[in-house]
Amino acid sequence: MAFIINTHDAWGMVQVGSFASLQEAQAAFASLCDDPWYASDGGVRALELVQLGDEPELERLDWHAFR
């Protein structure tokens, strides 16, 4: 099982990280949510933590929208 962090912006979605454990993914996700660059950039609108499972669909575990 893998965990992925995606960014969402005006151009679409970009994968910014892939992790083997949920703990690693959650720590990286929290760090990116608190990163001043992401908050002030203006182009990045949201971060998403998803789980890749056996099914082709992704399961969203967390979402953070920048204002």
C-alpha atoms as a PDB file:
ATOM      1  CA  MET A   1       0.000   0.000   0.000  1.00  0.00           C
ATOM      2  CA  ALA A   2       1.290   3.479  -0.836  1.00  0.00           C
ATOM      3  CA  PHE A   3       0.334   6.950   0.300  1.00  0.00           C
ATOM      4  CA  ILE A   4       0.582   9.953  -2.007  1.00  0.00           C
ATOM      5  CA  ILE A   5       0.498  13.719  -1.519  1.00  0.00           C
ATOM      6  CA  ASN A   6      -0.909  15.779  -4.386  1.00  0.00           C
ATOM      7  CA  THR A   7      -1.095  19.530  -4.900  1.00  0.00           C
ATOM      8  CA  HIS A   8      -4.037  21.144  -6.672  1.00  0.00           C
ATOM      9  CA  ASP A   9      -3.695  24.412  -8.575  1.00  0.00           C
ATOM     10  CA  ALA A  10      -5.190  26.208 -11.563  1.00  0.00           C
ATOM     11  CA  TRP A  11      -3.405  23.832 -13.968  1.00  0.00           C
ATOM     12  CA  GLY A  12      -4.495  20.589 -12.341  1.00  0.00           C
ATOM     13  CA  MET A  13      -3.022  18.097  -9.920  1.00  0.00           C
ATOM     14  CA  VAL A  14       0.646  17.222  -9.314  1.00  0.00           C
ATOM     15  CA  GLN A  15       2.018  14.398  -7.193  1.00  0.00           C
ATOM     16  CA  VAL A  16       4.634  15.797  -4.808  1.00  0.00           C
ATOM     17  CA  GLY A  17       5.433  12.719  -2.742  1.00  0.00           C
ATOM     18  CA  SER A  18       4.941   8.982  -2.336  1.00  0.00           C
ATOM     19  CA  PHE A  19       5.386   7.181   0.982  1.00  0.00           C
ATOM     20  CA  ALA A  20       5.373   3.577   2.157  1.00  0.00           C
ATOM     21  CA  SER A  21       3.848   4.282   5.568  1.00  0.00           C
ATOM     22  CA  LEU A  22       0.907   6.351   6.699  1.00  0.00           C
ATOM     23  CA  GLN A  23       2.988   7.912   9.492  1.00  0.00           C
ATOM     24  CA  GLU A  24       5.585   9.227   7.015  1.00  0.00           C
ATOM     25  CA  ALA A  25       2.876  10.541   4.712  1.00  0.00           C
ATOM     26  CA  GLN A  26       1.011  12.290   7.539  1.00  0.00           C
ATOM     27  CA  ALA A  27       4.207  13.932   8.813  1.00  0.00           C
ATOM     28  CA  ALA A  28       5.086  15.208   5.320  1.00  0.00           C
ATOM     29  CA  PHE A  29       1.496  16.360   4.736  1.00  0.00           C
ATOM     30  CA  ALA A  30       1.464  18.325   8.011  1.00  0.00           C
ATOM     31  CA  SER A  31       4.820  19.877   7.147  1.00  0.00           C
ATOM     32  CA  LEU A  32       3.597  20.993   3.709  1.00  0.00           C
ATOM     33  CA  CYS A  33       0.371  22.402   5.190  1.00  0.00           C
ATOM     34  CA  ASP A  34       2.497  24.575   7.512  1.00  0.00           C
ATOM     35  CA  ASP A  35       5.043  25.531   4.832  1.00  0.00           C
ATOM     36  CA  PRO A  36       4.980  29.328   4.335  1.00  0.00           C
ATOM     37  CA  TRP A  37       5.800  29.008   0.619  1.00  0.00           C
ATOM     38  CA  TYR A  38       2.699  26.930  -0.107  1.00  0.00           C
ATOM     39  CA  ALA A  39       0.544  29.323   1.922  1.00  0.00           C
ATOM     40  CA  SER A  40       1.885  32.477   0.244  1.00  0.00           C
ATOM     41  CA  ASP A  41       2.402  31.186  -3.314  1.00  0.00           C
ATOM     42  CA  GLY A  42      -1.159  31.894  -4.378  1.00  0.00           C
ATOM     43  CA  GLY A  43      -1.043  29.284  -7.141  1.00  0.00           C
ATOM     44  CA  VAL A  44      -1.297  26.204  -4.964  1.00  0.00           C
ATOM     45  CA  ARG A  45      -4.886  25.938  -3.838  1.00  0.00           C
ATOM     46  CA  ALA A  46      -4.906  22.685  -1.875  1.00  0.00           C
ATOM     47  CA  LEU A  47      -3.014  19.624  -0.701  1.00  0.00           C
ATOM     48  CA  GLU A  48      -4.452  16.136  -0.679  1.00  0.00           C
ATOM     49  CA  LEU A  49      -3.284  12.959   1.071  1.00  0.00           C
ATOM     50  CA  VAL A  50      -4.517   9.817  -0.664  1.00  0.00           C
ATOM     51  CA  GLN A  51      -4.075   6.087  -0.253  1.00  0.00           C
ATOM     52  CA  LEU A  52      -3.391   3.770  -3.173  1.00  0.00           C
ATOM     53  CA  GLY A  53      -5.050   0.455  -2.541  1.00  0.00           C
ATOM     54  CA  ASP A  54      -5.836  -2.669  -4.510  1.00  0.00           C
ATOM     55  CA  GLU A  55      -8.622  -0.874  -6.362  1.00  0.00           C
ATOM     56  CA  PRO A  56      -7.814   1.596  -9.147  1.00  0.00           C
ATOM     57  CA  GLU A  57      -9.527   4.414  -7.226  1.00  0.00           C
ATOM     58  CA  LEU A  58      -7.666   6.593  -4.755  1.00  0.00           C
ATOM     59  CA  GLU A  59      -9.035   6.992  -1.236  1.00  0.00           C
ATOM     60  CA  ARG A  60      -8.693  10.535   0.103  1.00  0.00           C
ATOM     61  CA  LEU A  61      -7.455  10.541   3.686  1.00  0.00           C
ATOM     62  CA  ASP A  62      -6.954  14.262   4.245  1.00  0.00           C
ATOM     63  CA  TRP A  63      -7.413  17.606   2.467  1.00  0.00           C
ATOM     64  CA  HIS A  64      -6.027  21.072   3.196  1.00  0.00           C
ATOM     65  CA  ALA A  65      -7.193  24.175   1.290  1.00  0.00           C
ATOM     66  CA  PHE A  66      -5.054  27.313   1.236  1.00  0.00           C
ATOM     67  CA  ARG A  67      -6.842  30.663   1.449  1.00  0.00           C
END
